[in-house]
Protein backbone atom coordinates (compact mmCIF):
# COMPACT_ATOMS: atom_id res chain seq x y z
CA ALA A 1 -51.34 -23.17 54.81
CA THR A 2 -49.51 -22.26 51.66
CA SER A 3 -49.69 -23.13 47.87
CA GLY A 4 -48.42 -22.55 44.60
CA PRO A 5 -49.49 -19.64 42.73
CA GLY A 6 -53.07 -20.28 41.20
CA THR A 7 -53.93 -23.51 43.03
CA GLY A 8 -55.39 -24.50 46.63
CA THR A 9 -56.93 -22.92 49.20
CA VAL A 10 -55.80 -20.81 52.76
CA THR A 11 -58.35 -21.97 55.33
CA GLY A 12 -58.61 -22.01 59.00
CA THR A 13 -59.92 -19.96 62.22
CA GLY A 14 -58.78 -17.71 64.86
CA THR A 15 -56.01 -14.71 63.90
CA ALA A 16 -53.42 -15.75 61.46
CA GLY A 17 -50.30 -13.55 62.45
CA THR A 18 -48.36 -14.27 59.38
CA VAL A 19 -49.49 -15.57 55.93
CA THR A 20 -46.98 -17.00 53.65
CA LYS A 21 -47.04 -17.76 49.94
CA TRP A 22 -44.65 -19.23 47.27
CA SER A 23 -41.88 -17.26 45.86
CA THR A 24 -42.78 -16.08 42.19
CA GLY A 25 -39.75 -18.36 41.06
CA GLY A 26 -41.25 -21.16 42.91
CA THR A 27 -37.91 -21.57 45.25
CA GLY A 28 -39.38 -21.17 48.47
CA ILE A 29 -41.60 -19.40 50.67
CA GLU A 30 -41.44 -15.80 51.51
CA ASP A 31 -43.82 -12.91 53.02
CA GLY A 32 -45.82 -10.63 50.99
CA PRO A 33 -49.17 -9.77 49.33
CA ILE A 34 -51.43 -12.33 48.53
CA THR A 35 -53.40 -12.05 44.85
CA PHE A 36 -56.59 -13.32 43.96
CA SER A 37 -57.48 -14.08 40.73
CA GLY A 38 -59.93 -15.83 38.50
CA ASN A 39 -63.48 -16.17 38.30
CA ASP A 40 -64.58 -17.33 41.75
CA ALA A 41 -61.54 -16.21 43.82
CA THR A 42 -63.26 -15.32 47.57
CA PHE A 43 -61.62 -14.98 50.61
CA ALA A 44 -63.74 -14.36 54.10
CA GLY A 45 -62.63 -13.21 57.25
CA THR A 46 -60.12 -10.12 57.80
CA ILE A 47 -57.18 -9.11 56.69
CA ASP A 48 -55.79 -6.35 59.47
CA SER A 49 -52.95 -4.47 56.67
CA GLY A 50 -51.30 -4.87 54.10
CA THR A 51 -52.93 -4.78 50.16
CA ILE A 52 -55.29 -6.80 48.59
CA THR A 53 -54.40 -7.16 44.60
CA SER A 54 -57.38 -8.33 42.45
CA THR A 55 -57.48 -8.76 38.18
CA GLY A 56 -61.09 -8.62 38.41
CA ILE A 57 -63.93 -7.62 40.68
CA VAL A 58 -63.80 -7.62 44.65
CA LYS A 59 -67.18 -7.49 46.15
CA ALA A 60 -67.74 -6.96 49.98
CA ALA A 61 -70.70 -8.72 51.22
CA THR A 62 -70.39 -7.11 54.13
CA THR A 63 -67.90 -4.15 55.63
CA PHE A 64 -64.40 -2.74 54.04
CA GLN A 65 -62.83 -0.86 57.15
CA ALA A 66 -59.88 0.69 57.95
CA THR A 67 -58.53 0.17 61.35
CA SER A 68 -55.90 2.63 61.47
CA GLY A 69 -55.19 5.60 58.45
CA ASP A 70 -57.49 6.80 55.61
CA MET A 71 -58.80 4.32 53.15
CA THR A 72 -57.47 4.66 50.22
CA PHE A 73 -58.40 3.33 46.28
CA TYR A 74 -55.99 3.06 43.57
CA VAL A 75 -56.30 2.96 39.43
CA ASN A 76 -53.63 1.76 37.47
CA ASN A 77 -51.75 4.23 35.58
CA VAL A 78 -53.29 7.09 38.11
CA GLY A 79 -52.41 6.16 41.23
CA GLU A 80 -54.66 7.53 44.31
CA ALA A 81 -57.73 8.15 42.64
CA MET A 82 -60.14 8.55 46.06
CA ARG A 83 -59.90 8.50 49.77
CA ILE A 84 -62.08 8.18 52.72
CA GLN A 85 -60.57 10.21 55.56
CA GLN A 86 -59.86 8.66 59.05
CA ASN A 87 -61.97 10.22 62.04
CA THR A 88 -63.98 12.19 59.53
CA GLY A 89 -65.50 10.11 56.93
CA ASN A 90 -64.92 12.87 54.59
CA VAL A 91 -64.41 11.72 50.78
CA GLY A 92 -61.47 12.84 48.91
CA ILE A 93 -61.23 12.93 44.88
CA ASN A 94 -57.87 13.68 43.43
CA THR A 95 -56.81 14.99 46.91
CA THR A 96 -55.29 13.03 49.39
CA ASN A 97 -56.38 16.17 52.38
CA PRO A 98 -60.34 16.21 51.99
CA ASN A 99 -60.66 18.34 55.08
CA SER A 100 -63.27 21.01 53.77
CA GLY A 101 -66.17 19.06 53.07
CA LYS A 102 -67.36 15.40 53.26
CA LEU A 103 -67.02 15.40 49.35
CA VAL A 104 -63.93 17.21 48.11
CA VAL A 105 -63.31 17.30 44.72
CA GLU A 106 -60.10 18.74 43.38
CA GLY A 107 -59.12 19.89 39.77
CA ASP A 108 -58.71 21.87 37.35
CA PRO A 109 -60.17 25.36 37.34
CA TYR A 110 -63.22 25.87 34.86
CA VAL A 111 -62.70 26.89 31.31
CA ILE A 112 -65.62 27.65 28.59
CA THR A 113 -64.81 25.38 26.22
CA ASN A 114 -65.06 21.64 26.37
CA SER A 115 -68.39 22.35 25.45
CA GLY A 116 -68.92 23.70 29.11
CA LYS A 117 -68.03 20.77 30.85
CA ALA A 118 -66.65 20.72 34.00
CA LEU A 119 -64.02 18.45 33.23
CA GLY A 120 -61.91 19.38 36.31
CA GLY A 121 -64.80 19.12 38.62
CA ILE A 122 -68.07 17.40 38.59
CA ASP A 123 -70.51 16.80 35.14
CA LEU A 124 -74.07 15.92 35.82
CA ARG A 125 -75.83 14.29 33.26
CA THR A 126 -78.98 12.21 32.27
CA ASN A 127 -78.80 8.72 31.41
CA ALA A 128 -81.31 9.31 28.45
CA ALA A 129 -82.10 12.38 25.78
CA VAL A 130 -85.04 14.27 26.65
CA ALA A 131 -87.31 16.37 24.76
CA THR A 132 -87.53 20.10 24.78
CA GLY A 133 -88.36 22.00 28.04
CA VAL A 134 -87.47 18.74 30.22
CA TYR A 135 -85.57 18.91 32.83
CA GLY A 136 -82.16 17.30 33.11
CA ALA A 137 -79.69 16.57 35.24
CA ALA A 138 -80.14 18.70 39.00
CA ILE A 139 -78.47 18.39 42.40
CA SER A 140 -80.77 19.12 45.54
CA PHE A 141 -80.58 21.18 49.05
CA GLY A 142 -82.26 20.82 52.06
CA THR A 143 -82.13 20.38 55.71
CA ASN A 144 -83.33 17.30 57.86
CA GLY A 145 -86.90 17.63 56.46
CA SER A 146 -88.60 16.13 53.13
CA GLY A 147 -88.48 19.15 51.34
CA ARG A 148 -85.69 20.30 49.09
CA ALA A 149 -84.43 22.99 46.94
CA ALA A 150 -82.93 22.18 43.86
CA ILE A 151 -81.09 23.36 40.47
CA SER A 152 -81.27 21.48 37.44
CA SER A 153 -80.43 22.20 33.47
CA VAL A 154 -83.27 22.16 31.07
CA GLN A 155 -83.40 21.80 27.03
CA GLY A 156 -83.85 24.70 25.48
CA SER A 157 -85.13 23.58 22.17
CA SER A 158 -84.58 20.15 20.02
CA ASP A 159 -81.16 20.48 20.07
CA ALA A 160 -79.60 18.82 22.94
CA ASP A 161 -76.73 21.03 23.09
CA LYS A 162 -78.65 24.03 24.10
CA GLN A 163 -78.87 23.85 27.74
CA GLY A 164 -80.52 26.53 30.57
CA LEU A 165 -80.55 26.51 34.41
CA VAL A 166 -83.39 26.11 36.39
CA PHE A 167 -83.90 27.05 40.18
CA PHE A 168 -86.38 25.24 42.07
CA THR A 169 -88.06 26.50 45.92
CA HIS A 170 -90.20 24.03 47.89
CA GLY A 171 -92.30 26.63 49.81
CA SER A 172 -95.13 23.90 51.31
CA GLY A 173 -94.62 22.82 54.95
CA THR A 174 -95.78 19.32 53.67
CA GLY A 175 -92.69 17.37 52.77
CA SER A 176 -94.11 15.45 49.89
CA ALA A 177 -95.39 18.38 48.23
CA ASP A 178 -93.58 19.35 44.59
CA SER A 179 -91.35 21.73 44.42
CA ALA A 180 -91.69 24.96 42.23
CA GLU A 181 -89.83 26.71 39.59
CA ALA A 182 -88.90 30.15 40.97
CA MET A 183 -86.42 31.40 38.41
CA ARG A 184 -85.03 30.30 35.27
CA ILE A 185 -82.04 31.06 32.96
CA SER A 186 -82.75 30.49 29.74
CA HIS A 187 -80.09 28.94 26.85
CA GLY A 188 -80.38 32.42 25.53
CA GLY A 189 -79.12 34.20 28.69
CA GLY A 190 -82.44 35.63 29.86
CA VAL A 191 -83.82 35.65 33.11
CA GLY A 192 -87.43 34.60 34.16
CA ILE A 193 -89.40 35.07 37.20
CA GLY A 194 -92.92 34.13 37.19
CA THR A 195 -92.28 32.41 33.22
CA ASP A 196 -90.60 29.58 31.82
CA ASP A 197 -90.12 31.52 28.78
CA PRO A 198 -88.37 34.66 29.38
CA ILE A 199 -88.22 37.17 25.78
CA TYR A 200 -86.07 40.19 27.51
CA LYS A 201 -82.61 40.07 29.49
CA LEU A 202 -84.74 40.17 32.79
CA ASP A 203 -88.40 39.23 32.45
CA VAL A 204 -91.01 39.37 35.79
CA VAL A 205 -94.41 37.64 35.71
CA SER A 206 -96.66 38.22 38.29
CA ALA A 207 -100.66 37.58 38.55
CA GLY A 208 -100.66 40.53 41.81
CA ASP A 209 -99.31 44.02 42.36
CA GLY A 210 -95.49 44.41 43.18
CA LEU A 211 -93.83 42.98 40.62
CA LEU A 212 -89.92 44.54 41.35
CA SER A 213 -89.11 46.63 44.39
CA LEU A 214 -85.66 48.81 44.78
CA THR A 215 -84.94 49.64 47.62
CA GLY A 216 -81.09 52.18 48.44
CA ALA A 217 -79.29 52.38 51.35
CA THR A 218 -79.73 56.37 52.45
CA LYS A 219 -76.70 58.34 51.50
CA PRO A 220 -75.65 60.74 54.37
């Protein structure tokens, strides 16, 4: 079935070998992509190949599936923005070859300008302001259990621009137990182990013996 631009409905059952549309000038019928536009433009079924062009939001109630080749996502004035690789499921941002991991982000090298933001990589931030000493955005690491180690930012004062880092471990065999702060780098550059307020460049605090052990290899 065919209709003029912006009107009508294409319906049916089974598999259509070819769907045609009115030419742009309205002079005849031509093959090509079908553009869905409007507040309630919908489509139910399968598009085996080709391009879906939308001026709004494309909603998928079930699945987007690439039956052959990678699945790619394009942004106007940018080009390809993201790719899901066939066979591996790896996701690549700004790369067409995400072979090195499940998520590969390719960008410019890190520089200390730009307020410290990794503009060429990944920037994590909270969705609201936090108070002094409160943890900020974080990333966690683990295996197939529930316990996780993590790294988080921490706000060093009432000034939200003063950010440090905190390293957490999960020492309990109970997965639901809390993680614990193991080491902190303050916004001033002090490293604290066993303290959340390192006064010196390296500040180690322990309730027991054996604060520090240095062992060197035996030289011939």
